[in-house]
PDB file of all heavy atoms in Angstrom:
ATOM      1  N   ALA A   1      -5.096   1.102 -17.791  1.00  0.00           N
ATOM      2  CA  ALA A   1      -5.184  -0.088 -16.943  1.00  0.00           C
ATOM      3  C   ALA A   1      -5.793   0.310 -15.604  1.00  0.00           C
ATOM      4  O   ALA A   1      -5.349   1.282 -14.975  1.00  0.00           O
ATOM      5  CB  ALA A   1      -3.806  -0.703 -16.729  1.00  0.00           C
ATOM      6  N   GLN A   2      -6.792  -0.453 -15.154  1.00  0.00           N
ATOM      7  CA  GLN A   2      -7.466  -0.163 -13.893  1.00  0.00           C
ATOM      8  C   GLN A   2      -7.407  -1.391 -12.991  1.00  0.00           C
ATOM      9  O   GLN A   2      -7.858  -2.476 -13.374  1.00  0.00           O
ATOM     10  CB  GLN A   2      -8.917   0.252 -14.135  1.00  0.00           C
ATOM     11  CG  GLN A   2      -9.045   1.555 -14.905  1.00  0.00           C
ATOM     12  CD  GLN A   2     -10.486   2.007 -15.044  1.00  0.00           C
ATOM     13  OE1 GLN A   2     -11.416   1.209 -14.968  1.00  0.00           O
ATOM     14  NE2 GLN A   2     -10.671   3.304 -15.252  1.00  0.00           N
ATOM     15  N   TYR A   3      -6.840  -1.183 -11.797  1.00  0.00           N
ATOM     16  CA  TYR A   3      -6.744  -2.253 -10.808  1.00  0.00           C
ATOM     17  C   TYR A   3      -7.797  -2.051  -9.737  1.00  0.00           C
ATOM     18  O   TYR A   3      -8.066  -0.923  -9.306  1.00  0.00           O
ATOM     19  CB  TYR A   3      -5.362  -2.253 -10.158  1.00  0.00           C
ATOM     20  CG  TYR A   3      -5.284  -3.086  -8.890  1.00  0.00           C
ATOM     21  CD1 TYR A   3      -5.145  -4.468  -8.943  1.00  0.00           C
ATOM     22  CD2 TYR A   3      -5.362  -2.475  -7.637  1.00  0.00           C
ATOM     23  CE1 TYR A   3      -5.085  -5.237  -7.783  1.00  0.00           C
ATOM     24  CE2 TYR A   3      -5.301  -3.227  -6.467  1.00  0.00           C
ATOM     25  CZ  TYR A   3      -5.161  -4.603  -6.548  1.00  0.00           C
ATOM     26  OH  TYR A   3      -5.114  -5.346  -5.395  1.00  0.00           O
ATOM     27  N   GLN A   4      -8.386  -3.163  -9.267  1.00  0.00           N
ATOM     28  CA  GLN A   4      -9.399  -3.106  -8.213  1.00  0.00           C
ATOM     29  C   GLN A   4      -9.201  -4.302  -7.284  1.00  0.00           C
ATOM     30  O   GLN A   4      -9.026  -5.443  -7.742  1.00  0.00           O
ATOM     31  CB  GLN A   4     -10.808  -3.156  -8.815  1.00  0.00           C
ATOM     32  CG  GLN A   4     -11.929  -3.013  -7.810  1.00  0.00           C
ATOM     33  CD  GLN A   4     -12.103  -1.579  -7.326  1.00  0.00           C
ATOM     34  OE1 GLN A   4     -12.007  -0.643  -8.128  1.00  0.00           O
ATOM     35  NE2 GLN A   4     -12.332  -1.406  -6.037  1.00  0.00           N
ATOM     36  N   TYR A   5      -9.219  -4.028  -5.961  1.00  0.00           N
ATOM     37  CA  TYR A   5      -9.203  -5.105  -4.976  1.00  0.00           C
ATOM     38  C   TYR A   5     -10.554  -5.154  -4.293  1.00  0.00           C
ATOM     39  O   TYR A   5     -11.043  -4.142  -3.801  1.00  0.00           O
ATOM     40  CB  TYR A   5      -8.096  -4.890  -3.941  1.00  0.00           C
ATOM     41  CG  TYR A   5      -8.122  -5.939  -2.845  1.00  0.00           C
ATOM     42  CD1 TYR A   5      -7.899  -7.278  -3.152  1.00  0.00           C
ATOM     43  CD2 TYR A   5      -8.389  -5.589  -1.527  1.00  0.00           C
ATOM     44  CE1 TYR A   5      -7.935  -8.253  -2.164  1.00  0.00           C
ATOM     45  CE2 TYR A   5      -8.430  -6.551  -0.534  1.00  0.00           C
ATOM     46  CZ  TYR A   5      -8.200  -7.884  -0.856  1.00  0.00           C
ATOM     47  OH  TYR A   5      -8.248  -8.851   0.121  1.00  0.00           O
ATOM     48  N   GLU A   6     -11.166  -6.336  -4.243  1.00  0.00           N
ATOM     49  CA  GLU A   6     -12.522  -6.477  -3.725  1.00  0.00           C
ATOM     50  C   GLU A   6     -12.613  -7.504  -2.600  1.00  0.00           C
ATOM     51  O   GLU A   6     -13.692  -8.026  -2.311  1.00  0.00           O
ATOM     52  CB  GLU A   6     -13.469  -6.878  -4.861  1.00  0.00           C
ATOM     53  CG  GLU A   6     -13.510  -5.856  -5.984  1.00  0.00           C
ATOM     54  CD  GLU A   6     -14.291  -6.315  -7.198  1.00  0.00           C
ATOM     55  OE1 GLU A   6     -14.036  -7.446  -7.675  1.00  0.00           O
ATOM     56  OE2 GLU A   6     -15.153  -5.543  -7.649  1.00  0.00           O
ATOM     57  N   GLY A   7     -11.499  -7.795  -1.953  1.00  0.00           N
ATOM     58  CA  GLY A   7     -11.487  -8.805  -0.898  1.00  0.00           C
ATOM     59  C   GLY A   7     -11.454  -8.212   0.495  1.00  0.00           C
ATOM     60  O   GLY A   7     -11.771  -7.033   0.714  1.00  0.00           O
ATOM     61  N   ARG A   8     -11.046  -9.033   1.452  1.00  0.00           N
ATOM     62  CA  ARG A   8     -10.981  -8.601   2.845  1.00  0.00           C
ATOM     63  C   ARG A   8      -9.861  -7.590   3.031  1.00  0.00           C
ATOM     64  O   ARG A   8      -8.790  -7.721   2.423  1.00  0.00           O
ATOM     65  CB  ARG A   8     -10.740  -9.798   3.765  1.00  0.00           C
ATOM     66  CG  ARG A   8     -11.865 -10.823   3.796  1.00  0.00           C
ATOM     67  CD  ARG A   8     -11.575 -11.864   4.862  1.00  0.00           C
ATOM     68  NE  ARG A   8     -10.245 -12.457   4.680  1.00  0.00           N
ATOM     69  CZ  ARG A   8      -9.680 -13.301   5.552  1.00  0.00           C
ATOM     70  NH1 ARG A   8     -10.336 -13.629   6.655  1.00  0.00           N
ATOM     71  NH2 ARG A   8      -8.487 -13.808   5.308  1.00  0.00           N
ATOM     72  N   PRO A   9     -10.064  -6.591   3.882  1.00  0.00           N
ATOM     73  CA  PRO A   9      -8.994  -5.617   4.153  1.00  0.00           C
ATOM     74  C   PRO A   9      -7.725  -6.318   4.638  1.00  0.00           C
ATOM     75  O   PRO A   9      -7.778  -7.227   5.475  1.00  0.00           O
ATOM     76  CB  PRO A   9      -9.597  -4.726   5.243  1.00  0.00           C
ATOM     77  CG  PRO A   9     -11.075  -4.835   5.052  1.00  0.00           C
ATOM     78  CD  PRO A   9     -11.314  -6.256   4.599  1.00  0.00           C
ATOM     79  N   GLY A  10      -6.612  -5.896   4.055  1.00  0.00           N
ATOM     80  CA  GLY A  10      -5.320  -6.439   4.465  1.00  0.00           C
ATOM     81  C   GLY A  10      -4.829  -7.615   3.669  1.00  0.00           C
ATOM     82  O   GLY A  10      -3.689  -8.058   3.870  1.00  0.00           O
ATOM     83  N   ASP A  11      -5.642  -8.152   2.763  1.00  0.00           N
ATOM     84  CA  ASP A  11      -5.237  -9.336   2.008  1.00  0.00           C
ATOM     85  C   ASP A  11      -4.952  -9.047   0.534  1.00  0.00           C
ATOM     86  O   ASP A  11      -4.813  -9.975  -0.271  1.00  0.00           O
ATOM     87  CB  ASP A  11      -6.319 -10.417   2.090  1.00  0.00           C
ATOM     88  CG  ASP A  11      -6.415 -11.041   3.473  1.00  0.00           C
ATOM     89  OD1 ASP A  11      -5.447 -10.889   4.244  1.00  0.00           O
ATOM     90  OD2 ASP A  11      -7.456 -11.653   3.774  1.00  0.00           O
ATOM     91  N   GLY A  12      -4.899  -7.781   0.156  1.00  0.00           N
ATOM     92  CA  GLY A  12      -4.689  -7.431  -1.241  1.00  0.00           C
ATOM     93  C   GLY A  12      -3.261  -7.665  -1.703  1.00  0.00           C
ATOM     94  O   GLY A  12      -2.357  -7.972  -0.908  1.00  0.00           O
ATOM     95  N   LEU A  13      -3.044  -7.496  -2.986  1.00  0.00           N
ATOM     96  CA  LEU A  13      -1.740  -7.760  -3.593  1.00  0.00           C
ATOM     97  C   LEU A  13      -0.731  -6.647  -3.346  1.00  0.00           C
ATOM     98  O   LEU A  13       0.467  -6.859  -3.477  1.00  0.00           O
ATOM     99  CB  LEU A  13      -1.933  -7.956  -5.111  1.00  0.00           C
ATOM    100  CG  LEU A  13      -0.735  -8.448  -5.922  1.00  0.00           C
ATOM    101  CD1 LEU A  13      -0.307  -9.834  -5.452  1.00  0.00           C
ATOM    102  CD2 LEU A  13      -1.072  -8.472  -7.408  1.00  0.00           C
ATOM    103  N   PHE A  14      -1.212  -5.455  -2.934  1.00  0.00           N
ATOM    104  CA  PHE A  14      -0.321  -4.304  -2.818  1.00  0.00           C
ATOM    105  C   PHE A  14      -0.375  -3.684  -1.420  1.00  0.00           C
ATOM    106  O   PHE A  14      -0.898  -2.596  -1.228  1.00  0.00           O
ATOM    107  CB  PHE A  14      -0.672  -3.246  -3.867  1.00  0.00           C
ATOM    108  CG  PHE A  14      -0.573  -3.740  -5.283  1.00  0.00           C
ATOM    109  CD1 PHE A  14      -1.709  -4.101  -5.985  1.00  0.00           C
ATOM    110  CD2 PHE A  14       0.660  -3.869  -5.894  1.00  0.00           C
ATOM    111  CE1 PHE A  14      -1.624  -4.556  -7.287  1.00  0.00           C
ATOM    112  CE2 PHE A  14       0.764  -4.324  -7.203  1.00  0.00           C
ATOM    113  CZ  PHE A  14      -0.378  -4.682  -7.902  1.00  0.00           C
ATOM    114  N   PRO A  15       0.178  -4.366  -0.414  1.00  0.00           N
ATOM    115  CA  PRO A  15       0.251  -3.749   0.910  1.00  0.00           C
ATOM    116  C   PRO A  15       1.256  -2.603   0.907  1.00  0.00           C
ATOM    117  O   PRO A  15       2.219  -2.611   0.132  1.00  0.00           O
ATOM    118  CB  PRO A  15       0.731  -4.904   1.803  1.00  0.00           C
ATOM    119  CG  PRO A  15       1.512  -5.784   0.876  1.00  0.00           C
ATOM    120  CD  PRO A  15       0.796  -5.705  -0.454  1.00  0.00           C
ATOM    121  N   VAL A  16       1.007  -1.616   1.749  1.00  0.00           N
ATOM    122  CA  VAL A  16       1.953  -0.513   1.886  1.00  0.00           C
ATOM    123  C   VAL A  16       3.171  -1.016   2.643  1.00  0.00           C
ATOM    124  O   VAL A  16       3.056  -1.471   3.792  1.00  0.00           O
ATOM    125  CB  VAL A  16       1.308   0.680   2.613  1.00  0.00           C
ATOM    126  CG1 VAL A  16       2.365   1.721   2.956  1.00  0.00           C
ATOM    127  CG2 VAL A  16       0.220   1.295   1.745  1.00  0.00           C
ATOM    128  N   LEU A  17       4.321  -0.965   2.016  1.00  0.00           N
ATOM    129  CA  LEU A  17       5.544  -1.497   2.601  1.00  0.00           C
ATOM    130  C   LEU A  17       6.232  -0.434   3.442  1.00  0.00           C
ATOM    131  O   LEU A  17       6.275   0.745   3.080  1.00  0.00           O
ATOM    132  CB  LEU A  17       6.495  -1.972   1.495  1.00  0.00           C
ATOM    133  CG  LEU A  17       5.929  -3.042   0.558  1.00  0.00           C
ATOM    134  CD1 LEU A  17       6.943  -3.354  -0.537  1.00  0.00           C
ATOM    135  CD2 LEU A  17       5.560  -4.294   1.328  1.00  0.00           C
ATOM    136  N   ARG A  18       6.771  -0.859   4.575  1.00  0.00           N
ATOM    137  CA  ARG A  18       7.509   0.058   5.437  1.00  0.00           C
ATOM    138  C   ARG A  18       8.826   0.408   4.770  1.00  0.00           C
ATOM    139  O   ARG A  18       9.660  -0.457   4.494  1.00  0.00           O
ATOM    140  CB  ARG A  18       7.762  -0.611   6.792  1.00  0.00           C
ATOM    141  CG  ARG A  18       8.405   0.301   7.819  1.00  0.00           C
ATOM    142  CD  ARG A  18       7.444   1.370   8.278  1.00  0.00           C
ATOM    143  NE  ARG A  18       8.035   2.192   9.328  1.00  0.00           N
ATOM    144  CZ  ARG A  18       7.698   3.443   9.559  1.00  0.00           C
ATOM    145  NH1 ARG A  18       6.780   4.019   8.816  1.00  0.00           N
ATOM    146  NH2 ARG A  18       8.246   4.122  10.540  1.00  0.00           N
ATOM    147  N   GLN A  19       9.023   1.721   4.484  1.00  0.00           N
ATOM    148  CA  GLN A  19      10.196   2.152   3.733  1.00  0.00           C
ATOM    149  C   GLN A  19      11.255   2.818   4.598  1.00  0.00           C
ATOM    150  O   GLN A  19      12.411   2.887   4.213  1.00  0.00           O
ATOM    151  CB  GLN A  19       9.777   3.139   2.633  1.00  0.00           C
ATOM    152  CG  GLN A  19       8.687   2.625   1.712  1.00  0.00           C
ATOM    153  CD  GLN A  19       9.164   1.525   0.799  1.00  0.00           C
ATOM    154  OE1 GLN A  19      10.350   1.325   0.619  1.00  0.00           O
ATOM    155  NE2 GLN A  19       8.234   0.789   0.225  1.00  0.00           N
ATOM    156  N   GLY A  20      10.879   3.375   5.732  1.00  0.00           N
ATOM    157  CA  GLY A  20      11.862   4.092   6.543  1.00  0.00           C
ATOM    158  C   GLY A  20      11.213   4.665   7.780  1.00  0.00           C
ATOM    159  O   GLY A  20      10.266   4.102   8.326  1.00  0.00           O
ATOM    160  N   GLU A  21      11.721   5.807   8.234  1.00  0.00           N
ATOM    161  CA  GLU A  21      11.252   6.427   9.463  1.00  0.00           C
ATOM    162  C   GLU A  21      10.280   7.572   9.201  1.00  0.00           C
ATOM    163  O   GLU A  21       9.816   8.216  10.136  1.00  0.00           O
ATOM    164  CB  GLU A  21      12.456   6.961  10.251  1.00  0.00           C
ATOM    165  CG  GLU A  21      13.502   5.895  10.574  1.00  0.00           C
ATOM    166  CD  GLU A  21      14.762   6.494  11.164  1.00  0.00           C
ATOM    167  OE1 GLU A  21      14.773   7.711  11.416  1.00  0.00           O
ATOM    168  OE2 GLU A  21      15.730   5.742  11.372  1.00  0.00           O
ATOM    169  N   ALA A  22       9.969   7.847   7.959  1.00  0.00           N
ATOM    170  CA  ALA A  22       9.223   9.054   7.630  1.00  0.00           C
ATOM    171  C   ALA A  22       7.730   8.936   7.907  1.00  0.00           C
ATOM    172  O   ALA A  22       7.022   9.935   7.895  1.00  0.00           O
ATOM    173  CB  ALA A  22       9.451   9.429   6.163  1.00  0.00           C
ATOM    174  N   GLY A  23       7.211   7.736   8.143  1.00  0.00           N
ATOM    175  CA  GLY A  23       5.813   7.609   8.511  1.00  0.00           C
ATOM    176  C   GLY A  23       4.945   7.014   7.423  1.00  0.00           C
ATOM    177  O   GLY A  23       5.378   6.713   6.308  1.00  0.00           O
ATOM    178  N   ALA A  24       3.640   6.854   7.774  1.00  0.00           N
ATOM    179  CA  ALA A  24       2.701   6.144   6.906  1.00  0.00           C
ATOM    180  C   ALA A  24       2.479   6.854   5.577  1.00  0.00           C
ATOM    181  O   ALA A  24       2.309   6.195   4.542  1.00  0.00           O
ATOM    182  CB  ALA A  24       1.372   5.961   7.632  1.00  0.00           C
ATOM    183  N   LEU A  25       2.462   8.174   5.577  1.00  0.00           N
ATOM    184  CA  LEU A  25       2.230   8.895   4.324  1.00  0.00           C
ATOM    185  C   LEU A  25       3.368   8.643   3.345  1.00  0.00           C
ATOM    186  O   LEU A  25       3.136   8.330   2.165  1.00  0.00           O
ATOM    187  CB  LEU A  25       2.060  10.390   4.591  1.00  0.00           C
ATOM    188  CG  LEU A  25       1.880  11.268   3.352  1.00  0.00           C
ATOM    189  CD1 LEU A  25       0.708  10.792   2.505  1.00  0.00           C
ATOM    190  CD2 LEU A  25       1.689  12.727   3.761  1.00  0.00           C
ATOM    191  N   TYR A  26       4.593   8.772   3.808  1.00  0.00           N
ATOM    192  CA  TYR A  26       5.727   8.498   2.929  1.00  0.00           C
ATOM    193  C   TYR A  26       5.703   7.057   2.442  1.00  0.00           C
ATOM    194  O   TYR A  26       5.924   6.783   1.253  1.00  0.00           O
ATOM    195  CB  TYR A  26       7.046   8.783   3.652  1.00  0.00           C
ATOM    196  CG  TYR A  26       8.246   8.190   2.931  1.00  0.00           C
ATOM    197  CD1 TYR A  26       8.642   8.698   1.698  1.00  0.00           C
ATOM    198  CD2 TYR A  26       8.951   7.108   3.458  1.00  0.00           C
ATOM    199  CE1 TYR A  26       9.721   8.140   1.016  1.00  0.00           C
ATOM    200  CE2 TYR A  26      10.024   6.559   2.787  1.00  0.00           C
ATOM    201  CZ  TYR A  26      10.405   7.082   1.570  1.00  0.00           C
ATOM    202  OH  TYR A  26      11.462   6.533   0.891  1.00  0.00           O
ATOM    203  N   ASP A  27       5.438   6.105   3.356  1.00  0.00           N
ATOM    204  CA  ASP A  27       5.381   4.698   2.953  1.00  0.00           C
ATOM    205  C   ASP A  27       4.337   4.476   1.862  1.00  0.00           C
ATOM    206  O   ASP A  27       4.560   3.725   0.911  1.00  0.00           O
ATOM    207  CB  ASP A  27       5.052   3.821   4.161  1.00  0.00           C
ATOM    208  CG  ASP A  27       6.154   3.830   5.212  1.00  0.00           C
ATOM    209  OD1 ASP A  27       7.307   4.110   4.844  1.00  0.00           O
ATOM    210  OD2 ASP A  27       5.852   3.559   6.381  1.00  0.00           O
ATOM    211  N   SER A  28       3.195   5.143   1.987  1.00  0.00           N
ATOM    212  CA  SER A  28       2.129   4.977   0.995  1.00  0.00           C
ATOM    213  C   SER A  28       2.527   5.560  -0.352  1.00  0.00           C
ATOM    214  O   SER A  28       2.341   4.922  -1.398  1.00  0.00           O
ATOM    215  CB  SER A  28       0.845   5.654   1.498  1.00  0.00           C
ATOM    216  OG  SER A  28       0.363   5.029   2.678  1.00  0.00           O
ATOM    217  N   VAL A  29       3.079   6.767  -0.344  1.00  0.00           N
ATOM    218  CA  VAL A  29       3.493   7.403  -1.599  1.00  0.00           C
ATOM    219  C   VAL A  29       4.592   6.590  -2.268  1.00  0.00           C
ATOM    220  O   VAL A  29       4.568   6.358  -3.483  1.00  0.00           O
ATOM    221  CB  VAL A  29       3.950   8.851  -1.349  1.00  0.00           C
ATOM    222  CG1 VAL A  29       4.584   9.445  -2.613  1.00  0.00           C
ATOM    223  CG2 VAL A  29       2.780   9.717  -0.901  1.00  0.00           C
ATOM    224  N   GLU A  30       5.557   6.135  -1.481  1.00  0.00           N
ATOM    225  CA  GLU A  30       6.673   5.397  -2.063  1.00  0.00           C
ATOM    226  C   GLU A  30       6.227   4.042  -2.613  1.00  0.00           C
ATOM    227  O   GLU A  30       6.694   3.606  -3.670  1.00  0.00           O
ATOM    228  CB  GLU A  30       7.780   5.227  -1.025  1.00  0.00           C
ATOM    229  CG  GLU A  30       8.995   4.441  -1.499  1.00  0.00           C
ATOM    230  CD  GLU A  30       9.718   5.061  -2.687  1.00  0.00           C
ATOM    231  OE1 GLU A  30       9.343   6.173  -3.134  1.00  0.00           O
ATOM    232  OE2 GLU A  30      10.654   4.425  -3.193  1.00  0.00           O
ATOM    233  N   THR A  31       5.316   3.361  -1.918  1.00  0.00           N
ATOM    234  CA  THR A  31       4.791   2.105  -2.446  1.00  0.00           C
ATOM    235  C   THR A  31       4.052   2.335  -3.758  1.00  0.00           C
ATOM    236  O   THR A  31       4.194   1.559  -4.715  1.00  0.00           O
ATOM    237  CB  THR A  31       3.845   1.448  -1.419  1.00  0.00           C
ATOM    238  OG1 THR A  31       4.572   1.166  -0.218  1.00  0.00           O
ATOM    239  CG2 THR A  31       3.267   0.152  -1.968  1.00  0.00           C
ATOM    240  N   CYS A  32       3.263   3.405  -3.827  1.00  0.00           N
ATOM    241  CA  CYS A  32       2.559   3.734  -5.077  1.00  0.00           C
ATOM    242  C   CYS A  32       3.549   4.073  -6.182  1.00  0.00           C
ATOM    243  O   CYS A  32       3.370   3.663  -7.340  1.00  0.00           O
ATOM    244  CB  CYS A  32       1.596   4.899  -4.849  1.00  0.00           C
ATOM    245  SG  CYS A  32       0.195   4.516  -3.785  1.00  0.00           S
TER     246      CYS A  32
END
């Protein structure tokens, strides 16, 4: 299965959700 977003930045279906205090990298990995 291959997902692709082709719209405006910030409007996709999978925003990186804020998970805690660990920072953007952790939030990105955890959302994935």
